[in-house]
Amino acid sequence: MGKRHEERREEIIQSALELAAEVGVKKVTTQAIADRVGIAQPTVFRHFRTRDEIFAGAIAWLADRLFGVLDATLGSDLPPDRKLERLIRTQLAFVACHKGLPRLLFSDRLHLESPTLKKTVQKVMGRYTARVAGVIREGMIAGCFREELEPDTAARFVAATLQGLIVRWSIFDFEFSLEAEADALWRFLHAALGRETS
């Protein structure tokens, strides 16, 4: 008996991400995905109509899991600056487990070739920066962060700093520990956002 639809979709998505990490997005074909999963290529098309639909499914699958973890942190009783620190550490640990994600996010497929895929990522980025802006706003009220900050702008720069680190990690073929960079990254961001203490 065959696997349930959702289980098979998840296998296809995970295989696409693994292949993206190993060979790059351009070389991820539906045949390569089918071979990795151990199914016939037509089976892939029973679950996804196109390769871009697989990639969009991968982005949605990753986003659901990432936001599930992040929202647990954001809903905690930690002070806002500790929430933001934990959110950053959690995100880096999450991305470290999914090397195909940066390969997909920084690929020509997403940036130039697939407007639909780009829109999917833009929505995820919007959700993410809204959550970070909320923590920054909370921290401004609590006195953790500087009161002159503009939360939405600050959130975009936090996201951009993280993205820059992740790009460097991907360009260096994942040779250094992304999680090991968390301390230095947090010190930098905390200095930029935090209130000066006399």
Protein backbone atom coordinates (compact mmCIF):
# COMPACT_ATOMS: atom_id res chain seq x y z
CA MET A 1 0.00 0.00 0.00
CA GLY A 2 1.28 3.47 -0.93
CA LYS A 3 2.09 6.28 1.45
CA ARG A 4 -0.47 8.91 2.38
CA HIS A 5 -0.51 12.04 0.22
CA GLU A 6 0.96 14.35 2.88
CA GLU A 7 3.73 11.92 3.78
CA ARG A 8 4.74 11.56 0.14
CA ARG A 9 4.63 15.33 -0.40
CA GLU A 10 6.93 15.81 2.59
CA GLU A 11 9.37 13.21 1.24
CA ILE A 12 9.45 14.98 -2.12
CA ILE A 13 10.00 18.37 -0.46
CA GLN A 14 12.79 17.09 1.79
CA SER A 15 14.50 15.39 -1.15
CA ALA A 16 14.29 18.58 -3.22
CA LEU A 17 15.91 20.55 -0.37
CA GLU A 18 18.65 17.94 0.12
CA LEU A 19 19.43 18.01 -3.60
CA ALA A 20 19.43 21.83 -3.66
CA ALA A 21 22.04 21.81 -0.87
CA GLU A 22 24.17 19.22 -2.67
CA VAL A 23 24.02 20.25 -6.33
CA GLY A 24 22.28 23.64 -6.47
CA VAL A 25 18.71 24.51 -7.43
CA LYS A 26 19.34 24.52 -11.19
CA LYS A 27 20.24 20.82 -11.16
CA VAL A 28 17.25 19.74 -9.07
CA THR A 29 15.02 17.98 -11.57
CA THR A 30 11.84 16.07 -10.92
CA GLN A 31 13.67 12.92 -12.09
CA ALA A 32 16.46 13.53 -9.56
CA ILE A 33 13.84 14.05 -6.84
CA ALA A 34 12.03 10.85 -7.85
CA ASP A 35 15.32 8.92 -7.79
CA ARG A 36 16.16 10.29 -4.32
CA VAL A 37 12.72 9.36 -2.94
CA GLY A 38 12.73 5.98 -4.73
CA ILE A 39 9.58 6.54 -6.77
CA ALA A 40 8.72 6.90 -10.46
CA GLN A 41 8.81 10.43 -11.87
CA PRO A 42 5.04 10.44 -12.68
CA THR A 43 4.41 9.92 -8.95
CA VAL A 44 6.06 13.29 -8.26
CA PHE A 45 3.52 14.92 -10.60
CA ARG A 46 0.62 13.32 -8.73
CA HIS A 47 1.63 15.48 -5.75
CA PHE A 48 3.04 18.60 -7.43
CA ARG A 49 2.20 19.94 -10.89
CA THR A 50 5.57 21.63 -11.48
CA ARG A 51 9.08 21.90 -10.08
CA ASP A 52 8.31 25.43 -8.86
CA GLU A 53 5.30 24.07 -7.01
CA ILE A 54 7.71 21.70 -5.21
CA PHE A 55 9.95 24.65 -4.29
CA ALA A 56 6.96 26.73 -3.16
CA GLY A 57 5.82 23.74 -1.09
CA ALA A 58 9.31 23.54 0.41
CA ILE A 59 9.23 27.22 1.39
CA ALA A 60 5.77 26.80 2.96
CA TRP A 61 6.82 23.59 4.75
CA LEU A 62 9.94 25.24 6.17
CA ALA A 63 8.05 28.41 7.12
CA ASP A 64 5.40 26.44 9.03
CA ARG A 65 8.06 24.67 11.06
CA LEU A 66 10.16 27.78 11.60
CA PHE A 67 7.23 29.93 12.73
CA GLY A 68 6.04 27.15 15.02
CA VAL A 69 9.39 27.27 16.82
CA LEU A 70 9.69 31.06 16.73
CA ASP A 71 6.15 31.66 17.97
CA ALA A 72 6.84 29.46 21.01
CA THR A 73 9.71 31.82 21.87
CA LEU A 74 7.68 34.95 21.19
CA GLY A 75 4.87 33.70 23.41
CA SER A 76 7.21 33.05 26.33
CA ASP A 77 7.57 35.17 29.49
CA LEU A 78 11.15 36.16 28.67
CA PRO A 79 12.08 39.86 28.59
CA PRO A 80 11.92 41.24 25.02
CA ASP A 81 15.70 41.41 24.50
CA ARG A 82 16.05 37.74 25.58
CA LYS A 83 13.17 36.84 23.25
CA LEU A 84 14.94 38.45 20.31
CA GLU A 85 18.21 36.75 21.20
CA ARG A 86 16.52 33.35 21.46
CA LEU A 87 14.62 33.99 18.22
CA ILE A 88 17.93 34.65 16.40
CA ARG A 89 19.62 31.60 17.91
CA THR A 90 16.61 29.43 17.07
CA GLN A 91 16.53 30.67 13.50
CA LEU A 92 20.23 29.98 12.97
CA ALA A 93 19.89 26.48 14.43
CA PHE A 94 16.88 25.85 12.18
CA VAL A 95 18.62 27.02 9.00
CA ALA A 96 21.71 24.96 9.93
CA CYS A 97 19.50 21.85 9.71
CA HIS A 98 18.10 22.83 6.29
CA LYS A 99 21.03 23.69 4.00
CA GLY A 100 18.83 23.63 0.92
CA LEU A 101 16.98 26.71 2.17
CA PRO A 102 19.75 29.27 1.48
CA ARG A 103 20.52 27.59 -1.86
CA LEU A 104 16.88 28.14 -2.84
CA LEU A 105 16.52 31.63 -1.36
CA PHE A 106 19.59 32.97 -3.15
CA SER A 107 19.08 31.17 -6.46
CA ASP A 108 18.37 32.69 -9.87
CA ARG A 109 15.25 30.51 -9.94
CA LEU A 110 13.75 32.55 -7.12
CA HIS A 111 15.20 35.96 -7.98
CA LEU A 112 14.79 36.05 -11.76
CA GLU A 113 12.88 33.11 -13.14
CA SER A 114 9.82 32.50 -10.97
CA PRO A 115 7.68 35.46 -9.87
CA THR A 116 5.32 33.06 -8.08
CA LEU A 117 8.12 31.60 -6.01
CA LYS A 118 9.42 35.09 -5.25
CA LYS A 119 5.97 36.16 -3.98
CA THR A 120 5.85 33.12 -1.69
CA VAL A 121 9.16 34.12 -0.12
CA GLN A 122 8.14 37.78 0.14
CA LYS A 123 5.10 36.76 2.19
CA VAL A 124 7.25 34.68 4.54
CA MET A 125 9.71 37.56 4.93
CA GLY A 126 6.82 39.90 5.71
CA ARG A 127 5.54 37.56 8.43
CA TYR A 128 9.02 37.25 9.89
CA THR A 129 9.84 40.97 9.99
CA ALA A 130 6.41 41.69 11.51
CA ARG A 131 7.22 39.34 14.39
CA VAL A 132 10.66 40.86 14.90
CA ALA A 133 9.17 44.37 14.80
CA GLY A 134 6.67 43.30 17.46
CA VAL A 135 9.46 42.14 19.79
CA ILE A 136 11.39 45.37 19.18
CA ARG A 137 8.27 47.43 19.95
CA GLU A 138 7.75 45.40 23.12
CA GLY A 139 11.40 45.99 24.07
CA MET A 140 11.10 49.73 23.53
CA ILE A 141 8.13 49.86 25.90
CA ALA A 142 9.96 47.70 28.46
CA GLY A 143 13.08 49.87 28.24
CA CYS A 144 15.31 47.11 26.75
CA PHE A 145 15.70 48.82 23.38
CA ARG A 146 16.32 52.43 22.43
CA GLU A 147 13.12 54.48 22.34
CA GLU A 148 14.06 56.31 19.12
CA LEU A 149 14.10 53.10 17.06
CA GLU A 150 11.61 52.68 14.24
CA PRO A 151 10.53 49.05 14.82
CA ASP A 152 9.72 48.10 11.22
CA THR A 153 13.00 49.52 9.91
CA ALA A 154 14.99 47.93 12.74
CA ALA A 155 13.30 44.57 12.03
CA ARG A 156 14.27 44.76 8.36
CA PHE A 157 17.90 45.40 9.34
CA VAL A 158 17.88 42.51 11.82
CA ALA A 159 16.58 40.25 9.02
CA ALA A 160 19.16 41.62 6.56
CA THR A 161 22.00 40.98 9.01
CA LEU A 162 20.87 37.38 9.48
CA GLN A 163 20.49 36.92 5.73
CA GLY A 164 24.02 38.23 5.18
CA LEU A 165 25.44 35.69 7.60
CA ILE A 166 23.44 32.89 5.97
CA VAL A 167 24.64 33.93 2.49
CA ARG A 168 28.27 33.83 3.70
CA TRP A 169 27.67 30.38 5.23
CA SER A 170 26.21 29.13 1.93
CA ILE A 171 29.00 30.67 -0.18
CA PHE A 172 31.59 28.95 2.02
CA ASP A 173 29.79 25.64 1.43
CA PHE A 174 28.61 25.37 5.05
CA GLU A 175 32.20 24.95 6.28
CA PHE A 176 31.70 26.92 9.49
CA SER A 177 29.10 26.48 12.19
CA LEU A 178 26.21 28.86 11.72
CA GLU A 179 25.18 28.41 15.35
CA ALA A 180 28.69 29.30 16.54
CA GLU A 181 28.23 32.76 14.98
CA ALA A 182 25.22 33.48 17.19
CA ASP A 183 27.15 35.03 20.10
CA ALA A 184 28.99 37.60 17.97
CA LEU A 185 25.87 38.35 15.95
CA TRP A 186 23.79 38.91 19.07
CA ARG A 187 26.43 41.20 20.62
CA PHE A 188 26.40 43.28 17.44
CA LEU A 189 22.61 43.52 17.25
CA HIS A 190 22.20 44.14 20.96
CA ALA A 191 24.69 47.01 20.77
CA ALA A 192 22.72 48.47 17.86
CA LEU A 193 19.29 48.10 19.47
CA GLY A 194 19.91 48.28 23.21
CA ARG A 195 19.63 51.33 25.42
CA GLU A 196 22.87 52.81 26.63
CA THR A 197 23.49 52.10 30.30
CA SER A 198 25.17 54.80 32.34
